[in-house]
PDB file of all heavy atoms in Angstrom:
ATOM      1  N   MET A   1       2.841   3.398   2.209  1.00  0.00           N
ATOM      2  CA  MET A   1       2.165   4.615   2.178  1.00  0.00           C
ATOM      3  C   MET A   1       2.000   5.061   0.744  1.00  0.00           C
ATOM      4  O   MET A   1       1.015   5.489   0.316  1.00  0.00           O
ATOM      5  CB  MET A   1       2.698   5.509   3.171  1.00  0.00           C
ATOM      6  CG  MET A   1       1.983   6.896   3.159  1.00  0.00           C
ATOM      7  SD  MET A   1       2.924   8.142   4.185  1.00  0.00           S
ATOM      8  CE  MET A   1       4.383   8.358   3.131  1.00  0.00           C
ATOM      9  N   TRP A   2       3.250   5.245   0.174  1.00  0.00           N
ATOM     10  CA  TRP A   2       3.352   5.843  -1.148  1.00  0.00           C
ATOM     11  C   TRP A   2       2.742   4.915  -2.280  1.00  0.00           C
ATOM     12  O   TRP A   2       1.983   5.587  -3.130  1.00  0.00           O
ATOM     13  CB  TRP A   2       4.810   6.159  -1.405  1.00  0.00           C
ATOM     14  CG  TRP A   2       5.379   7.230  -0.697  1.00  0.00           C
ATOM     15  CD1 TRP A   2       6.382   7.228   0.170  1.00  0.00           C
ATOM     16  CD2 TRP A   2       4.957   8.670  -0.826  1.00  0.00           C
ATOM     17  NE1 TRP A   2       6.605   8.454   0.781  1.00  0.00           N
ATOM     18  CE2 TRP A   2       5.811   9.311   0.166  1.00  0.00           C
ATOM     19  CE3 TRP A   2       4.058   9.292  -1.532  1.00  0.00           C
ATOM     20  CZ2 TRP A   2       5.667  10.730   0.299  1.00  0.00           C
ATOM     21  CZ3 TRP A   2       4.049  10.629  -1.425  1.00  0.00           C
ATOM     22  CH2 TRP A   2       4.759  11.419  -0.518  1.00  0.00           C
ATOM     23  N   TYR A   3       2.775   3.703  -2.202  1.00  0.00           N
ATOM     24  CA  TYR A   3       2.056   2.914  -3.096  1.00  0.00           C
ATOM     25  C   TYR A   3       0.583   3.013  -2.982  1.00  0.00           C
ATOM     26  O   TYR A   3      -0.209   2.931  -3.964  1.00  0.00           O
ATOM     27  CB  TYR A   3       2.338   1.415  -2.924  1.00  0.00           C
ATOM     28  CG  TYR A   3       3.770   1.082  -3.376  1.00  0.00           C
ATOM     29  CD1 TYR A   3       4.571   0.129  -2.698  1.00  0.00           C
ATOM     30  CD2 TYR A   3       4.328   1.586  -4.539  1.00  0.00           C
ATOM     31  CE1 TYR A   3       5.774  -0.304  -3.039  1.00  0.00           C
ATOM     32  CE2 TYR A   3       5.579   1.260  -4.944  1.00  0.00           C
ATOM     33  CZ  TYR A   3       6.353   0.283  -4.278  1.00  0.00           C
ATOM     34  OH  TYR A   3       7.601  -0.102  -4.678  1.00  0.00           O
ATOM     35  N   SER A   4       0.068   3.199  -1.734  1.00  0.00           N
ATOM     36  CA  SER A   4      -1.358   3.414  -1.458  1.00  0.00           C
ATOM     37  C   SER A   4      -1.867   4.756  -2.086  1.00  0.00           C
ATOM     38  O   SER A   4      -3.014   4.810  -2.721  1.00  0.00           O
ATOM     39  CB  SER A   4      -1.648   3.634   0.027  1.00  0.00           C
ATOM     40  OG  SER A   4      -1.428   2.278   0.584  1.00  0.00           O
ATOM     41  N   VAL A   5      -1.047   5.765  -1.969  1.00  0.00           N
ATOM     42  CA  VAL A   5      -1.336   7.135  -2.575  1.00  0.00           C
ATOM     43  C   VAL A   5      -1.358   6.824  -4.146  1.00  0.00           C
ATOM     44  O   VAL A   5      -2.374   7.313  -4.780  1.00  0.00           O
ATOM     45  CB  VAL A   5      -0.369   8.237  -2.213  1.00  0.00           C
ATOM     46  CG1 VAL A   5      -0.654   9.474  -2.887  1.00  0.00           C
ATOM     47  CG2 VAL A   5      -0.407   8.393  -0.661  1.00  0.00           C
ATOM     48  N   ALA A   6      -0.359   6.201  -4.712  1.00  0.00           N
ATOM     49  CA  ALA A   6      -0.323   6.083  -6.109  1.00  0.00           C
ATOM     50  C   ALA A   6      -1.571   5.292  -6.600  1.00  0.00           C
ATOM     51  O   ALA A   6      -2.168   5.552  -7.698  1.00  0.00           O
ATOM     52  CB  ALA A   6       0.836   5.308  -6.491  1.00  0.00           C
ATOM     53  N   SER A   7      -1.910   4.150  -5.819  1.00  0.00           N
ATOM     54  CA  SER A   7      -3.030   3.311  -6.175  1.00  0.00           C
ATOM     55  C   SER A   7      -4.360   4.203  -6.114  1.00  0.00           C
ATOM     56  O   SER A   7      -5.171   4.147  -7.110  1.00  0.00           O
ATOM     57  CB  SER A   7      -3.264   2.245  -5.184  1.00  0.00           C
ATOM     58  OG  SER A   7      -2.141   1.464  -5.309  1.00  0.00           O
ATOM     59  N   ALA A   8      -4.544   5.009  -5.177  1.00  0.00           N
ATOM     60  CA  ALA A   8      -5.733   5.973  -5.063  1.00  0.00           C
ATOM     61  C   ALA A   8      -5.704   6.898  -6.282  1.00  0.00           C
ATOM     62  O   ALA A   8      -6.749   7.400  -6.690  1.00  0.00           O
ATOM     63  CB  ALA A   8      -5.739   6.633  -3.724  1.00  0.00           C
ATOM     64  N   LEU A   9      -4.537   7.330  -6.778  1.00  0.00           N
ATOM     65  CA  LEU A   9      -4.441   8.251  -7.796  1.00  0.00           C
ATOM     66  C   LEU A   9      -4.641   7.598  -9.218  1.00  0.00           C
ATOM     67  O   LEU A   9      -4.666   8.175 -10.396  1.00  0.00           O
ATOM     68  CB  LEU A   9      -3.070   8.999  -7.837  1.00  0.00           C
ATOM     69  CG  LEU A   9      -2.989   9.911  -6.706  1.00  0.00           C
ATOM     70  CD1 LEU A   9      -1.483  10.524  -6.603  1.00  0.00           C
ATOM     71  CD2 LEU A   9      -3.838  11.206  -6.888  1.00  0.00           C
ATOM     72  N   GLY A  10      -4.868   6.340  -9.121  1.00  0.00           N
ATOM     73  CA  GLY A  10      -5.138   5.498 -10.413  1.00  0.00           C
ATOM     74  C   GLY A  10      -3.923   4.859 -11.044  1.00  0.00           C
ATOM     75  O   GLY A  10      -4.090   4.564 -12.316  1.00  0.00           O
ATOM     76  N   VAL A  11      -2.834   4.795 -10.416  1.00  0.00           N
ATOM     77  CA  VAL A  11      -1.699   4.237 -11.077  1.00  0.00           C
ATOM     78  C   VAL A  11      -1.809   2.760 -10.843  1.00  0.00           C
ATOM     79  O   VAL A  11      -1.552   2.175  -9.690  1.00  0.00           O
ATOM     80  CB  VAL A  11      -0.332   4.787 -10.315  1.00  0.00           C
ATOM     81  CG1 VAL A  11       0.827   4.172 -11.044  1.00  0.00           C
ATOM     82  CG2 VAL A  11      -0.222   6.290 -10.451  1.00  0.00           C
ATOM     83  N   GLU A  12      -2.228   2.000 -11.886  1.00  0.00           N
ATOM     84  CA  GLU A  12      -2.514   0.554 -11.744  1.00  0.00           C
ATOM     85  C   GLU A  12      -1.374  -0.344 -11.234  1.00  0.00           C
ATOM     86  O   GLU A  12      -1.599  -1.134 -10.337  1.00  0.00           O
ATOM     87  CB  GLU A  12      -2.960   0.085 -13.164  1.00  0.00           C
ATOM     88  CG  GLU A  12      -4.308   0.545 -13.595  1.00  0.00           C
ATOM     89  CD  GLU A  12      -5.430   0.081 -12.780  1.00  0.00           C
ATOM     90  OE1 GLU A  12      -5.315  -1.028 -12.288  1.00  0.00           O
ATOM     91  OE2 GLU A  12      -6.370   0.884 -12.693  1.00  0.00           O
ATOM     92  N   VAL A  13      -0.087  -0.033 -11.650  1.00  0.00           N
ATOM     93  CA  VAL A  13       0.985  -0.831 -11.332  1.00  0.00           C
ATOM     94  C   VAL A  13       1.252  -0.847  -9.755  1.00  0.00           C
ATOM     95  O   VAL A  13       1.939  -1.660  -9.151  1.00  0.00           O
ATOM     96  CB  VAL A  13       2.187  -0.569 -12.116  1.00  0.00           C
ATOM     97  CG1 VAL A  13       2.004  -0.875 -13.531  1.00  0.00           C
ATOM     98  CG2 VAL A  13       2.707   0.885 -11.860  1.00  0.00           C
ATOM     99  N   ALA A  14       0.856   0.291  -9.084  1.00  0.00           N
ATOM    100  CA  ALA A  14       1.123   0.475  -7.742  1.00  0.00           C
ATOM    101  C   ALA A  14       0.195  -0.524  -6.834  1.00  0.00           C
ATOM    102  O   ALA A  14       0.612  -0.769  -5.743  1.00  0.00           O
ATOM    103  CB  ALA A  14       0.843   1.934  -7.358  1.00  0.00           C
ATOM    104  N   ILE A  15      -0.844  -0.894  -7.416  1.00  0.00           N
ATOM    105  CA  ILE A  15      -1.776  -1.727  -6.569  1.00  0.00           C
ATOM    106  C   ILE A  15      -1.138  -3.061  -6.109  1.00  0.00           C
ATOM    107  O   ILE A  15      -1.162  -3.440  -4.962  1.00  0.00           O
ATOM    108  CB  ILE A  15      -3.095  -2.013  -7.379  1.00  0.00           C
ATOM    109  CG1 ILE A  15      -3.850  -0.737  -7.566  1.00  0.00           C
ATOM    110  CG2 ILE A  15      -3.988  -3.012  -6.611  1.00  0.00           C
ATOM    111  CD1 ILE A  15      -4.986  -0.865  -8.513  1.00  0.00           C
ATOM    112  N   ASP A  16      -0.527  -3.753  -7.096  1.00  0.00           N
ATOM    113  CA  ASP A  16       0.126  -5.062  -6.770  1.00  0.00           C
ATOM    114  C   ASP A  16       1.385  -4.827  -5.765  1.00  0.00           C
ATOM    115  O   ASP A  16       1.558  -5.650  -4.835  1.00  0.00           O
ATOM    116  CB  ASP A  16       0.709  -5.621  -8.043  1.00  0.00           C
ATOM    117  CG  ASP A  16      -0.365  -6.331  -8.957  1.00  0.00           C
ATOM    118  OD1 ASP A  16      -1.445  -6.493  -8.379  1.00  0.00           O
ATOM    119  OD2 ASP A  16      -0.111  -6.559 -10.118  1.00  0.00           O
ATOM    120  N   GLU A  17       2.069  -3.818  -5.927  1.00  0.00           N
ATOM    121  CA  GLU A  17       3.207  -3.379  -5.038  1.00  0.00           C
ATOM    122  C   GLU A  17       2.558  -3.113  -3.736  1.00  0.00           C
ATOM    123  O   GLU A  17       3.190  -3.573  -2.628  1.00  0.00           O
ATOM    124  CB  GLU A  17       4.023  -2.140  -5.544  1.00  0.00           C
ATOM    125  CG  GLU A  17       4.637  -2.470  -6.964  1.00  0.00           C
ATOM    126  CD  GLU A  17       5.647  -3.587  -6.873  1.00  0.00           C
ATOM    127  OE1 GLU A  17       6.403  -3.773  -5.764  1.00  0.00           O
ATOM    128  OE2 GLU A  17       5.846  -4.307  -7.780  1.00  0.00           O
ATOM    129  N   ARG A  18       1.541  -2.410  -3.587  1.00  0.00           N
ATOM    130  CA  ARG A  18       0.887  -2.104  -2.343  1.00  0.00           C
ATOM    131  C   ARG A  18       0.480  -3.283  -1.552  1.00  0.00           C
ATOM    132  O   ARG A  18       0.765  -3.540  -0.439  1.00  0.00           O
ATOM    133  CB  ARG A  18      -0.237  -1.185  -2.508  1.00  0.00           C
ATOM    134  CG  ARG A  18      -0.989  -0.638  -1.327  1.00  0.00           C
ATOM    135  CD  ARG A  18      -2.544  -0.307  -1.573  1.00  0.00           C
ATOM    136  NE  ARG A  18      -3.252  -1.407  -2.187  1.00  0.00           N
ATOM    137  CZ  ARG A  18      -4.402  -1.328  -2.779  1.00  0.00           C
ATOM    138  NH1 ARG A  18      -4.991  -0.099  -2.952  1.00  0.00           N
ATOM    139  NH2 ARG A  18      -5.004  -2.335  -3.311  1.00  0.00           N
ATOM    140  N   ASP A  19      -0.127  -4.232  -2.280  1.00  0.00           N
ATOM    141  CA  ASP A  19      -0.625  -5.436  -1.754  1.00  0.00           C
ATOM    142  C   ASP A  19       0.467  -6.396  -1.271  1.00  0.00           C
ATOM    143  O   ASP A  19       0.326  -6.969  -0.230  1.00  0.00           O
ATOM    144  CB  ASP A  19      -1.630  -6.122  -2.610  1.00  0.00           C
ATOM    145  CG  ASP A  19      -2.868  -5.318  -2.947  1.00  0.00           C
ATOM    146  OD1 ASP A  19      -3.236  -4.285  -2.166  1.00  0.00           O
ATOM    147  OD2 ASP A  19      -3.594  -5.683  -3.850  1.00  0.00           O
ATOM    148  N   LYS A  20       1.540  -6.338  -1.972  1.00  0.00           N
ATOM    149  CA  LYS A  20       2.732  -7.187  -1.571  1.00  0.00           C
ATOM    150  C   LYS A  20       3.411  -6.624  -0.329  1.00  0.00           C
ATOM    151  O   LYS A  20       3.720  -7.399   0.589  1.00  0.00           O
ATOM    152  CB  LYS A  20       3.784  -7.280  -2.662  1.00  0.00           C
ATOM    153  CG  LYS A  20       3.435  -8.161  -3.846  1.00  0.00           C
ATOM    154  CD  LYS A  20       4.635  -8.338  -4.721  1.00  0.00           C
ATOM    155  CE  LYS A  20       4.644  -7.213  -5.705  1.00  0.00           C
ATOM    156  NZ  LYS A  20       5.687  -7.464  -6.799  1.00  0.00           N
ATOM    157  N   VAL A  21       3.559  -5.413  -0.247  1.00  0.00           N
ATOM    158  CA  VAL A  21       4.132  -4.731   0.898  1.00  0.00           C
ATOM    159  C   VAL A  21       3.258  -4.847   2.107  1.00  0.00           C
ATOM    160  O   VAL A  21       3.740  -5.065   3.271  1.00  0.00           O
ATOM    161  CB  VAL A  21       4.555  -3.285   0.571  1.00  0.00           C
ATOM    162  CG1 VAL A  21       5.051  -2.608   1.821  1.00  0.00           C
ATOM    163  CG2 VAL A  21       5.577  -3.192  -0.467  1.00  0.00           C
ATOM    164  N   GLU A  22       1.979  -4.844   1.894  1.00  0.00           N
ATOM    165  CA  GLU A  22       1.052  -4.783   3.071  1.00  0.00           C
ATOM    166  C   GLU A  22       1.252  -6.038   3.867  1.00  0.00           C
ATOM    167  O   GLU A  22       1.227  -6.013   5.162  1.00  0.00           O
ATOM    168  CB  GLU A  22      -0.442  -4.848   2.521  1.00  0.00           C
ATOM    169  CG  GLU A  22      -1.472  -4.932   3.581  1.00  0.00           C
ATOM    170  CD  GLU A  22      -2.890  -4.959   3.182  1.00  0.00           C
ATOM    171  OE1 GLU A  22      -3.062  -4.682   2.002  1.00  0.00           O
ATOM    172  OE2 GLU A  22      -3.738  -5.313   3.899  1.00  0.00           O
ATOM    173  N   ARG A  23       1.621  -7.140   3.369  1.00  0.00           N
ATOM    174  CA  ARG A  23       1.848  -8.465   3.933  1.00  0.00           C
ATOM    175  C   ARG A  23       3.080  -8.387   4.821  1.00  0.00           C
ATOM    176  O   ARG A  23       3.267  -9.233   5.774  1.00  0.00           O
ATOM    177  CB  ARG A  23       1.954  -9.560   3.006  1.00  0.00           C
ATOM    178  CG  ARG A  23       0.702  -9.863   2.295  1.00  0.00           C
ATOM    179  CD  ARG A  23       0.777 -11.169   1.490  1.00  0.00           C
ATOM    180  NE  ARG A  23       1.478 -11.104   0.277  1.00  0.00           N
ATOM    181  CZ  ARG A  23       1.024 -10.731  -0.863  1.00  0.00           C
ATOM    182  NH1 ARG A  23      -0.356 -10.362  -1.013  1.00  0.00           N
ATOM    183  NH2 ARG A  23       1.911 -10.740  -1.957  1.00  0.00           N
ATOM    184  N   LYS A  24       3.834  -7.394   4.664  1.00  0.00           N
ATOM    185  CA  LYS A  24       5.138  -7.230   5.534  1.00  0.00           C
ATOM    186  C   LYS A  24       4.879  -6.456   6.920  1.00  0.00           C
ATOM    187  O   LYS A  24       5.767  -6.249   7.617  1.00  0.00           O
ATOM    188  CB  LYS A  24       6.267  -6.501   4.734  1.00  0.00           C
ATOM    189  CG  LYS A  24       6.692  -7.097   3.591  1.00  0.00           C
ATOM    190  CD  LYS A  24       7.512  -8.288   3.757  1.00  0.00           C
ATOM    191  CE  LYS A  24       8.069  -8.965   2.432  1.00  0.00           C
ATOM    192  NZ  LYS A  24       8.961 -10.053   2.650  1.00  0.00           N
ATOM    193  N   LEU A  25       3.609  -5.799   6.927  1.00  0.00           N
ATOM    194  CA  LEU A  25       3.380  -4.979   8.062  1.00  0.00           C
ATOM    195  C   LEU A  25       2.431  -5.571   9.129  1.00  0.00           C
ATOM    196  O   LEU A  25       1.553  -6.252   8.784  1.00  0.00           O
ATOM    197  CB  LEU A  25       2.632  -3.656   7.463  1.00  0.00           C
ATOM    198  CG  LEU A  25       3.380  -2.870   6.501  1.00  0.00           C
ATOM    199  CD1 LEU A  25       2.541  -1.759   5.975  1.00  0.00           C
ATOM    200  CD2 LEU A  25       4.880  -2.456   6.945  1.00  0.00           C
ATOM    201  N   ASP A  26       2.757  -5.237  10.350  1.00  0.00           N
ATOM    202  CA  ASP A  26       1.800  -5.642  11.405  1.00  0.00           C
ATOM    203  C   ASP A  26       0.534  -4.658  11.384  1.00  0.00           C
ATOM    204  O   ASP A  26       0.602  -3.638  10.678  1.00  0.00           O
ATOM    205  CB  ASP A  26       2.396  -5.581  12.795  1.00  0.00           C
ATOM    206  CG  ASP A  26       2.939  -4.183  13.214  1.00  0.00           C
ATOM    207  OD1 ASP A  26       2.108  -3.300  13.323  1.00  0.00           O
ATOM    208  OD2 ASP A  26       4.153  -3.925  13.318  1.00  0.00           O
ATOM    209  N   SER A  27      -0.506  -5.078  12.136  1.00  0.00           N
ATOM    210  CA  SER A  27      -1.758  -4.341  11.917  1.00  0.00           C
ATOM    211  C   SER A  27      -1.664  -2.941  12.462  1.00  0.00           C
ATOM    212  O   SER A  27      -2.318  -2.003  11.891  1.00  0.00           O
ATOM    213  CB  SER A  27      -2.876  -5.149  12.720  1.00  0.00           C
ATOM    214  OG  SER A  27      -2.544  -5.321  14.031  1.00  0.00           O
ATOM    215  N   ASP A  28      -0.926  -2.734  13.488  1.00  0.00           N
ATOM    216  CA  ASP A  28      -0.906  -1.384  14.070  1.00  0.00           C
ATOM    217  C   ASP A  28      -0.145  -0.368  13.048  1.00  0.00           C
ATOM    218  O   ASP A  28      -0.697   0.788  12.896  1.00  0.00           O
ATOM    219  CB  ASP A  28      -0.034  -1.341  15.420  1.00  0.00           C
ATOM    220  CG  ASP A  28      -0.844  -1.899  16.575  1.00  0.00           C
ATOM    221  OD1 ASP A  28      -2.016  -1.841  16.512  1.00  0.00           O
ATOM    222  OD2 ASP A  28      -0.205  -2.309  17.525  1.00  0.00           O
ATOM    223  N   THR A  29       0.901  -0.956  12.496  1.00  0.00           N
ATOM    224  CA  THR A  29       1.671  -0.090  11.520  1.00  0.00           C
ATOM    225  C   THR A  29       0.734   0.159  10.276  1.00  0.00           C
ATOM    226  O   THR A  29       0.825   1.217   9.635  1.00  0.00           O
ATOM    227  CB  THR A  29       3.003  -0.785  11.087  1.00  0.00           C
ATOM    228  OG1 THR A  29       3.781  -1.083  12.262  1.00  0.00           O
ATOM    229  CG2 THR A  29       3.722   0.153  10.063  1.00  0.00           C
ATOM    230  N   LEU A  30       0.071  -0.852   9.874  1.00  0.00           N
ATOM    231  CA  LEU A  30      -0.740  -0.778   8.607  1.00  0.00           C
ATOM    232  C   LEU A  30      -1.843   0.387   8.786  1.00  0.00           C
ATOM    233  O   LEU A  30      -2.015   1.210   7.987  1.00  0.00           O
ATOM    234  CB  LEU A  30      -1.468  -2.019   8.430  1.00  0.00           C
ATOM    235  CG  LEU A  30      -2.346  -2.234   7.166  1.00  0.00           C
ATOM    236  CD1 LEU A  30      -1.627  -1.866   5.899  1.00  0.00           C
ATOM    237  CD2 LEU A  30      -3.066  -3.503   7.050  1.00  0.00           C
ATOM    238  N   VAL A  31      -2.578   0.309   9.972  1.00  0.00           N
ATOM    239  CA  VAL A  31      -3.515   1.374  10.271  1.00  0.00           C
ATOM    240  C   VAL A  31      -2.920   2.813  10.201  1.00  0.00           C
ATOM    241  O   VAL A  31      -3.411   3.759   9.633  1.00  0.00           O
ATOM    242  CB  VAL A  31      -4.100   1.148  11.635  1.00  0.00           C
ATOM    243  CG1 VAL A  31      -5.046   2.314  12.064  1.00  0.00           C
ATOM    244  CG2 VAL A  31      -5.103  -0.185  11.416  1.00  0.00           C
ATOM    245  N   LYS A  32      -1.681   2.899  10.851  1.00  0.00           N
ATOM    246  CA  LYS A  32      -1.044   4.243  10.913  1.00  0.00           C
ATOM    247  C   LYS A  32      -0.673   4.667   9.550  1.00  0.00           C
ATOM    248  O   LYS A  32      -0.940   5.817   9.190  1.00  0.00           O
ATOM    249  CB  LYS A  32       0.147   4.034  11.779  1.00  0.00           C
ATOM    250  CG  LYS A  32       1.096   5.294  11.856  1.00  0.00           C
ATOM    251  CD  LYS A  32       2.264   5.105  12.609  1.00  0.00           C
ATOM    252  CE  LYS A  32       3.208   6.381  12.620  1.00  0.00           C
ATOM    253  NZ  LYS A  32       4.555   6.223  13.227  1.00  0.00           N
ATOM    254  N   MET A  33      -0.108   3.808   8.673  1.00  0.00           N
ATOM    255  CA  MET A  33       0.281   4.228   7.393  1.00  0.00           C
ATOM    256  C   MET A  33      -0.855   4.457   6.430  1.00  0.00           C
ATOM    257  O   MET A  33      -0.845   5.217   5.498  1.00  0.00           O
ATOM    258  CB  MET A  33       1.254   3.212   6.837  1.00  0.00           C
ATOM    259  CG  MET A  33       2.524   2.983   7.557  1.00  0.00           C
ATOM    260  SD  MET A  33       3.278   4.504   8.344  1.00  0.00           S
ATOM    261  CE  MET A  33       3.849   5.314   6.930  1.00  0.00           C
TER     262      MET A  33
END
């Protein structure tokens, strides 16, 4: 969630972190977050 917010705010380094963490989540949790 926080990496997604940071990515939307233009923090470039957060994008890779967001995408790595996304792979750890199931689809229901992903939509919720």
